[in-house]
Amino acid sequence: MKISIGNDHAGPDYKKAIVDFLKSKGYEIINHGTDSFDSVDYPDMAHPVALDVTEKRVDLGIVICGSGNGIAMTVNKHQDIRAALCWTKEIAALARLHNDANVVSIPARFTSIQQAVEIVDTFISTDFEGGRHTTRVNKIPYCK
């Protein structure tokens, strides 16, 4: 599996722990995040992750910012992205099972690094359930 990850200045330590975990499992990583705690603009890291997912260069995406909201809003502007803001592994499981989320957004200021790794582990190891959820997911894109 190949995963794209991006983070702003709130998430360098989170990204490092997540990347180390994923590499230990044999996953290939594309890193669009900063390694610095100097202020950066999260959209600059979010858009490349979203493009990796929509252009099928990767299987899933991970984005990290302070609240998880801004970076999730940014990737969700891309057609075919279904980013879920997850602060527990249970929410991550449901995001994959019921919503076929393809990007997980982690709020670095509201989770521990260990929780973030557990969220990612759950997210990447849970498959979409399909069935009645497929109809709902297919209604997400808005068309006039």
C-alpha atoms as a PDB file:
ATOM      1  CA  MET A   1       0.000   0.000   0.000  1.00  0.00           C
ATOM      2  CA  LYS A   2       1.137   3.522  -0.796  1.00  0.00           C
ATOM      3  CA  ILE A   3       0.108   6.460   1.394  1.00  0.00           C
ATOM      4  CA  SER A   4       0.446  10.226   0.994  1.00  0.00           C
ATOM      5  CA  ILE A   5       0.887  12.346   4.114  1.00  0.00           C
ATOM      6  CA  GLY A   6       0.884  16.081   4.696  1.00  0.00           C
ATOM      7  CA  ASN A   7       1.065  18.230   7.806  1.00  0.00           C
ATOM      8  CA  ASP A   8       1.529  21.782   8.950  1.00  0.00           C
ATOM      9  CA  HIS A   9       3.660  23.076  11.830  1.00  0.00           C
ATOM     10  CA  ALA A  10       1.375  21.445  14.436  1.00  0.00           C
ATOM     11  CA  GLY A  11       2.223  17.961  13.224  1.00  0.00           C
ATOM     12  CA  PRO A  12       5.926  17.218  12.563  1.00  0.00           C
ATOM     13  CA  ASP A  13       6.232  14.888  15.572  1.00  0.00           C
ATOM     14  CA  TYR A  14       2.952  13.192  14.658  1.00  0.00           C
ATOM     15  CA  LYS A  15       4.027  12.723  11.068  1.00  0.00           C
ATOM     16  CA  LYS A  16       7.368  11.235  12.107  1.00  0.00           C
ATOM     17  CA  ALA A  17       5.708   8.704  14.417  1.00  0.00           C
ATOM     18  CA  ILE A  18       3.090   7.801  11.798  1.00  0.00           C
ATOM     19  CA  VAL A  19       5.647   7.486   8.993  1.00  0.00           C
ATOM     20  CA  ASP A  20       7.920   5.333  11.186  1.00  0.00           C
ATOM     21  CA  PHE A  21       4.948   3.104  12.033  1.00  0.00           C
ATOM     22  CA  LEU A  22       3.837   2.779   8.413  1.00  0.00           C
ATOM     23  CA  LYS A  23       7.344   2.065   7.148  1.00  0.00           C
ATOM     24  CA  SER A  24       7.729  -0.648   9.810  1.00  0.00           C
ATOM     25  CA  LYS A  25       4.641  -2.270   8.252  1.00  0.00           C
ATOM     26  CA  GLY A  26       6.164  -2.063   4.765  1.00  0.00           C
ATOM     27  CA  TYR A  27       4.064   0.822   3.413  1.00  0.00           C
ATOM     28  CA  GLU A  28       5.475   3.263   0.890  1.00  0.00           C
ATOM     29  CA  ILE A  29       5.071   6.919   1.877  1.00  0.00           C
ATOM     30  CA  ILE A  30       4.914  10.150  -0.108  1.00  0.00           C
ATOM     31  CA  ASN A  31       5.685  13.002   2.287  1.00  0.00           C
ATOM     32  CA  HIS A  32       4.256  16.463   1.587  1.00  0.00           C
ATOM     33  CA  GLY A  33       4.513  17.695   5.168  1.00  0.00           C
ATOM     34  CA  THR A  34       6.837  20.056   6.929  1.00  0.00           C
ATOM     35  CA  ASP A  35       9.444  18.886   9.410  1.00  0.00           C
ATOM     36  CA  SER A  36       9.589  22.340  10.988  1.00  0.00           C
ATOM     37  CA  PHE A  37       7.574  23.956  13.765  1.00  0.00           C
ATOM     38  CA  ASP A  38       7.791  27.289  11.927  1.00  0.00           C
ATOM     39  CA  SER A  39       4.369  28.484  10.813  1.00  0.00           C
ATOM     40  CA  VAL A  40       3.266  27.314   7.355  1.00  0.00           C
ATOM     41  CA  ASP A  41      -0.047  27.355   5.507  1.00  0.00           C
ATOM     42  CA  TYR A  42      -1.795  23.964   5.706  1.00  0.00           C
ATOM     43  CA  PRO A  43      -3.336  24.214   2.195  1.00  0.00           C
ATOM     44  CA  ASP A  44       0.185  24.010   0.754  1.00  0.00           C
ATOM     45  CA  MET A  45       0.487  20.522   2.270  1.00  0.00           C
ATOM     46  CA  ALA A  46      -3.140  19.459   1.815  1.00  0.00           C
ATOM     47  CA  HIS A  47      -3.548  19.961  -1.937  1.00  0.00           C
ATOM     48  CA  PRO A  48      -0.640  17.656  -2.914  1.00  0.00           C
ATOM     49  CA  VAL A  49      -2.069  14.872  -0.707  1.00  0.00           C
ATOM     50  CA  ALA A  50      -5.512  15.284  -2.273  1.00  0.00           C
ATOM     51  CA  LEU A  51      -4.009  15.188  -5.764  1.00  0.00           C
ATOM     52  CA  ASP A  52      -2.053  12.025  -4.937  1.00  0.00           C
ATOM     53  CA  VAL A  53      -5.323  10.354  -3.890  1.00  0.00           C
ATOM     54  CA  THR A  54      -7.518  11.631  -6.733  1.00  0.00           C
ATOM     55  CA  GLU A  55      -4.893  10.847  -9.368  1.00  0.00           C
ATOM     56  CA  LYS A  56      -4.488   7.357  -7.868  1.00  0.00           C
ATOM     57  CA  ARG A  57      -0.775   7.701  -7.133  1.00  0.00           C
ATOM     58  CA  VAL A  58      -1.572   6.405  -3.640  1.00  0.00           C
ATOM     59  CA  ASP A  59      -4.200   4.269  -1.949  1.00  0.00           C
ATOM     60  CA  LEU A  60      -5.004   6.598   0.963  1.00  0.00           C
ATOM     61  CA  GLY A  61      -4.079   9.975   2.407  1.00  0.00           C
ATOM     62  CA  ILE A  62      -3.281  11.307   5.876  1.00  0.00           C
ATOM     63  CA  VAL A  63      -3.393  14.993   6.792  1.00  0.00           C
ATOM     64  CA  ILE A  64      -2.512  16.635  10.105  1.00  0.00           C
ATOM     65  CA  CYS A  65      -2.997  20.128  11.479  1.00  0.00           C
ATOM     66  CA  GLY A  66      -3.783  21.606  14.885  1.00  0.00           C
ATOM     67  CA  SER A  67      -7.551  21.049  14.901  1.00  0.00           C
ATOM     68  CA  GLY A  68      -7.689  18.791  11.841  1.00  0.00           C
ATOM     69  CA  ASN A  69     -10.453  21.010  10.496  1.00  0.00           C
ATOM     70  CA  GLY A  70      -8.686  23.410   8.130  1.00  0.00           C
ATOM     71  CA  ILE A  71      -6.653  20.732   6.418  1.00  0.00           C
ATOM     72  CA  ALA A  72      -9.734  18.473   6.118  1.00  0.00           C
ATOM     73  CA  MET A  73     -11.750  21.311   4.597  1.00  0.00           C
ATOM     74  CA  THR A  74      -8.982  21.890   2.083  1.00  0.00           C
ATOM     75  CA  VAL A  75      -8.655  18.291   0.873  1.00  0.00           C
ATOM     76  CA  ASN A  76     -12.445  17.945   0.771  1.00  0.00           C
ATOM     77  CA  LYS A  77     -12.564  20.681  -1.882  1.00  0.00           C
ATOM     78  CA  HIS A  78     -11.159  18.097  -4.301  1.00  0.00           C
ATOM     79  CA  GLN A  79     -13.669  15.964  -6.189  1.00  0.00           C
ATOM     80  CA  ASP A  80     -13.606  12.321  -5.063  1.00  0.00           C
ATOM     81  CA  ILE A  81     -11.948  13.092  -1.729  1.00  0.00           C
ATOM     82  CA  ARG A  82     -13.802  11.966   1.352  1.00  0.00           C
ATOM     83  CA  ALA A  83     -11.699  13.189   4.257  1.00  0.00           C
ATOM     84  CA  ALA A  84     -12.811  12.313   7.771  1.00  0.00           C
ATOM     85  CA  LEU A  85     -11.743  14.223  10.866  1.00  0.00           C
ATOM     86  CA  CYS A  86     -10.913  11.478  13.360  1.00  0.00           C
ATOM     87  CA  TRP A  87      -9.924  11.866  16.999  1.00  0.00           C
ATOM     88  CA  THR A  88     -10.545   8.236  18.013  1.00  0.00           C
ATOM     89  CA  LYS A  89      -9.853   4.932  16.333  1.00  0.00           C
ATOM     90  CA  GLU A  90     -13.570   4.114  16.542  1.00  0.00           C
ATOM     91  CA  ILE A  91     -14.417   7.155  14.422  1.00  0.00           C
ATOM     92  CA  ALA A  92     -11.676   6.154  11.972  1.00  0.00           C
ATOM     93  CA  ALA A  93     -13.175   2.674  11.648  1.00  0.00           C
ATOM     94  CA  LEU A  94     -16.645   4.068  10.937  1.00  0.00           C
ATOM     95  CA  ALA A  95     -15.242   6.597   8.455  1.00  0.00           C
ATOM     96  CA  ARG A  96     -13.859   3.716   6.405  1.00  0.00           C
ATOM     97  CA  LEU A  97     -16.697   1.213   7.009  1.00  0.00           C
ATOM     98  CA  HIS A  98     -19.637   3.521   6.314  1.00  0.00           C
ATOM     99  CA  ASN A  99     -18.237   6.502   4.413  1.00  0.00           C
ATOM    100  CA  ASP A 100     -15.442   4.985   2.329  1.00  0.00           C
ATOM    101  CA  ALA A 101     -13.184   7.812   3.534  1.00  0.00           C
ATOM    102  CA  ASN A 102      -9.949   7.944   1.567  1.00  0.00           C
ATOM    103  CA  VAL A 103      -8.193  10.599   3.673  1.00  0.00           C
ATOM    104  CA  VAL A 104      -7.943  10.733   7.449  1.00  0.00           C
ATOM    105  CA  SER A 105      -7.493  14.099   9.133  1.00  0.00           C
ATOM    106  CA  ILE A 106      -5.838  14.110  12.538  1.00  0.00           C
ATOM    107  CA  PRO A 107      -6.157  16.965  15.063  1.00  0.00           C
ATOM    108  CA  ALA A 108      -2.660  17.157  16.534  1.00  0.00           C
ATOM    109  CA  ARG A 109      -3.652  19.490  19.352  1.00  0.00           C
ATOM    110  CA  PHE A 110      -6.448  17.187  20.509  1.00  0.00           C
ATOM    111  CA  THR A 111      -4.876  13.716  20.284  1.00  0.00           C
ATOM    112  CA  SER A 112      -1.713  12.161  21.585  1.00  0.00           C
ATOM    113  CA  ILE A 113       0.878  10.806  19.187  1.00  0.00           C
ATOM    114  CA  GLN A 114      -0.007   7.257  20.289  1.00  0.00           C
ATOM    115  CA  GLN A 115      -3.703   7.912  19.597  1.00  0.00           C
ATOM    116  CA  ALA A 116      -2.798   9.295  16.161  1.00  0.00           C
ATOM    117  CA  VAL A 117      -0.847   6.153  15.289  1.00  0.00           C
ATOM    118  CA  GLU A 118      -3.795   4.007  16.450  1.00  0.00           C
ATOM    119  CA  ILE A 119      -6.188   6.101  14.359  1.00  0.00           C
ATOM    120  CA  VAL A 120      -4.010   5.614  11.284  1.00  0.00           C
ATOM    121  CA  ASP A 121      -3.601   1.892  11.956  1.00  0.00           C
ATOM    122  CA  THR A 122      -7.371   1.468  12.216  1.00  0.00           C
ATOM    123  CA  PHE A 123      -8.029   3.661   9.191  1.00  0.00           C
ATOM    124  CA  ILE A 124      -5.686   1.781   6.854  1.00  0.00           C
ATOM    125  CA  SER A 125      -6.723  -1.669   8.069  1.00  0.00           C
ATOM    126  CA  THR A 126     -10.493  -1.143   7.765  1.00  0.00           C
ATOM    127  CA  ASP A 127     -12.286  -1.751   4.476  1.00  0.00           C
ATOM    128  CA  PHE A 128     -15.428  -0.110   3.158  1.00  0.00           C
ATOM    129  CA  GLU A 129     -18.491  -2.183   4.043  1.00  0.00           C
ATOM    130  CA  GLY A 130     -20.390  -1.316   0.857  1.00  0.00           C
ATOM    131  CA  GLY A 131     -24.022  -2.407   0.713  1.00  0.00           C
ATOM    132  CA  ARG A 132     -26.483   0.283   1.764  1.00  0.00           C
ATOM    133  CA  HIS A 133     -23.565   2.633   2.395  1.00  0.00           C
ATOM    134  CA  THR A 134     -22.618   2.648  -1.295  1.00  0.00           C
ATOM    135  CA  THR A 135     -25.836   4.443  -2.198  1.00  0.00           C
ATOM    136  CA  ARG A 136     -25.141   7.099   0.433  1.00  0.00           C
ATOM    137  CA  VAL A 137     -21.516   7.589  -0.552  1.00  0.00           C
ATOM    138  CA  ASN A 138     -22.548   7.956  -4.188  1.00  0.00           C
ATOM    139  CA  LYS A 139     -24.814  10.852  -3.165  1.00  0.00           C
ATOM    140  CA  ILE A 140     -21.980  12.863  -1.594  1.00  0.00           C
ATOM    141  CA  PRO A 141     -20.752  14.682  -4.743  1.00  0.00           C
ATOM    142  CA  TYR A 142     -23.016  17.640  -5.439  1.00  0.00           C
ATOM    143  CA  CYS A 143     -24.175  18.250  -8.960  1.00  0.00           C
ATOM    144  CA  LYS A 144     -26.743  20.873  -9.966  1.00  0.00           C
END
